[in-house]
Amino acid sequence: MRSIRVPTPKEGFVNITRQVEEVLEGHTGLVYLFVPHTTCALTVQEGADPEVAHDLLMRLAELAPMAHPRDRHLEGNSHAHLKTLLTGVSLLLLAEGGRFRLGRWQQVFLAEFDGPRTREVWVRPL
């Protein structure tokens, strides 16, 4: 297993496609990605239009607002935990010759919901 470190903004999508591919070393087959964190996620989304990320963050904020009167979590970041629950902490993707086999517009992103931080992504070629 390999890992990469990803500096993140306060909230947003960080394209990690090329950074992960650098550690694949020509691998062909499946690649498992996992983040060992509870307030960020992994996703495959459109990478060409930054407005997609904006729209996704806006809609997630509607589903999981920053402050909810019934939140009990002392750190005050329950919204980030809920967004992670909705998006997921792992991906299973295909690779060929060290590059992901993705659709035309697809890229791999780390979604940060409680930054800024430096996050770790575990990469396991299978």
Protein backbone atom coordinates (compact mmCIF):
# COMPACT_ATOMS: atom_id res chain seq x y z
CA MET A 1 0.00 0.00 0.00
CA ARG A 2 1.15 3.50 -0.78
CA SER A 3 -0.16 6.81 0.49
CA ILE A 4 -0.25 10.38 -0.70
CA ARG A 5 -0.63 13.57 1.32
CA VAL A 6 -3.06 16.20 0.09
CA PRO A 7 -3.17 19.79 1.40
CA THR A 8 -6.75 21.02 1.34
CA PRO A 9 -8.66 24.31 1.55
CA LYS A 10 -11.31 25.06 4.18
CA GLU A 11 -13.86 23.31 1.96
CA GLY A 12 -13.68 22.15 -1.63
CA PHE A 13 -12.70 19.52 -4.14
CA VAL A 14 -9.01 18.82 -4.75
CA ASN A 15 -8.20 16.99 -7.97
CA ILE A 16 -5.89 14.12 -7.00
CA THR A 17 -6.02 12.13 -10.25
CA ARG A 18 -2.44 12.73 -11.36
CA GLN A 19 -1.02 12.56 -7.84
CA VAL A 20 -2.48 9.09 -7.35
CA GLU A 21 -1.42 7.94 -10.82
CA GLU A 22 2.18 8.85 -9.95
CA VAL A 23 2.25 6.08 -7.32
CA LEU A 24 0.61 3.43 -9.55
CA GLU A 25 3.94 2.66 -11.30
CA GLY A 26 2.41 1.28 -14.49
CA HIS A 27 -0.20 -0.84 -12.69
CA THR A 28 -2.98 -2.47 -14.70
CA GLY A 29 -6.01 -3.69 -12.79
CA LEU A 30 -8.08 -2.43 -9.90
CA VAL A 31 -7.04 0.39 -7.57
CA TYR A 32 -8.57 0.84 -4.15
CA LEU A 33 -8.48 4.33 -2.60
CA PHE A 34 -9.37 5.09 1.01
CA VAL A 35 -9.21 8.17 3.26
CA PRO A 36 -8.73 7.44 6.98
CA HIS A 37 -10.65 10.56 7.98
CA THR A 38 -14.25 11.29 9.02
CA THR A 39 -14.69 14.78 7.57
CA CYS A 40 -13.45 14.38 4.00
CA ALA A 41 -14.36 12.04 1.17
CA LEU A 42 -13.36 10.64 -2.19
CA THR A 43 -15.41 11.01 -5.34
CA VAL A 44 -15.26 10.83 -9.12
CA GLN A 45 -16.72 13.94 -10.72
CA GLU A 46 -16.38 16.23 -13.70
CA GLY A 47 -12.96 17.84 -13.75
CA ALA A 48 -13.29 20.31 -16.61
CA ASP A 49 -15.81 22.79 -15.20
CA PRO A 50 -15.02 24.23 -11.73
CA GLU A 51 -18.64 25.36 -11.43
CA VAL A 52 -19.62 21.70 -10.91
CA ALA A 53 -17.65 21.63 -7.64
CA HIS A 54 -19.25 24.91 -6.59
CA ASP A 55 -22.73 23.57 -7.27
CA LEU A 56 -22.05 20.30 -5.44
CA LEU A 57 -20.74 22.12 -2.36
CA MET A 58 -23.77 24.43 -2.40
CA ARG A 59 -26.21 21.51 -2.60
CA LEU A 60 -24.37 19.56 0.13
CA ALA A 61 -24.57 22.67 2.33
CA GLU A 62 -28.34 22.67 1.83
CA LEU A 63 -28.52 19.01 2.90
CA ALA A 64 -26.10 19.43 5.80
CA PRO A 65 -26.07 23.06 7.02
CA MET A 66 -23.13 24.23 9.09
CA ALA A 67 -25.16 24.80 12.26
CA HIS A 68 -28.20 22.78 13.12
CA PRO A 69 -30.06 23.39 16.40
CA ARG A 70 -30.11 19.68 17.27
CA ASP A 71 -26.37 19.04 16.68
CA ARG A 72 -24.63 17.72 19.80
CA HIS A 73 -21.10 17.10 18.55
CA LEU A 74 -18.84 19.33 20.62
CA GLU A 75 -16.41 20.15 17.80
CA GLY A 76 -19.21 21.82 15.83
CA ASN A 77 -18.44 20.00 12.59
CA SER A 78 -21.38 17.60 12.38
CA HIS A 79 -22.14 19.04 8.95
CA ALA A 80 -18.76 17.77 7.71
CA HIS A 81 -19.41 14.29 9.09
CA LEU A 82 -22.79 14.16 7.37
CA LYS A 83 -21.33 15.29 4.02
CA THR A 84 -18.73 12.54 4.32
CA LEU A 85 -21.46 10.02 5.08
CA LEU A 86 -23.29 11.11 1.92
CA THR A 87 -20.23 10.98 -0.35
CA GLY A 88 -18.05 8.12 0.96
CA VAL A 89 -14.47 7.47 2.00
CA SER A 90 -13.39 4.92 -0.61
CA LEU A 91 -13.28 4.26 -4.34
CA LEU A 92 -12.56 1.19 -6.46
CA LEU A 93 -11.32 2.17 -9.92
CA LEU A 94 -9.78 0.60 -13.01
CA ALA A 95 -6.26 1.41 -14.15
CA GLU A 96 -4.32 0.51 -17.26
CA GLY A 97 -0.61 1.17 -17.59
CA GLY A 98 -0.59 3.37 -14.49
CA ARG A 99 -3.45 5.59 -15.61
CA PHE A 100 -7.06 5.52 -14.48
CA ARG A 101 -9.66 4.33 -16.98
CA LEU A 102 -12.16 7.16 -16.56
CA GLY A 103 -14.84 8.71 -18.71
CA ARG A 104 -14.06 11.79 -20.78
CA TRP A 105 -14.96 14.32 -18.08
CA GLN A 106 -14.21 12.25 -14.99
CA GLN A 107 -11.45 12.99 -12.50
CA VAL A 108 -10.70 11.74 -8.97
CA PHE A 109 -11.22 14.25 -6.16
CA LEU A 110 -10.67 14.49 -2.45
CA ALA A 111 -13.64 16.41 -1.06
CA GLU A 112 -12.71 18.49 1.98
CA PHE A 113 -15.49 19.46 4.37
CA ASP A 114 -13.54 20.55 7.47
CA GLY A 115 -10.22 22.09 6.48
CA PRO A 116 -7.78 23.40 5.88
CA ARG A 117 -5.77 20.30 6.64
CA THR A 118 -3.29 17.91 5.14
CA ARG A 119 -5.14 14.69 4.38
CA GLU A 120 -3.82 11.23 3.67
CA VAL A 121 -5.14 9.00 0.88
CA TRP A 122 -4.22 5.33 0.96
CA VAL A 123 -3.66 3.78 -2.47
CA ARG A 124 -3.73 0.01 -2.94
CA PRO A 125 -3.26 -1.45 -6.45
CA LEU A 126 -5.05 -4.82 -6.60
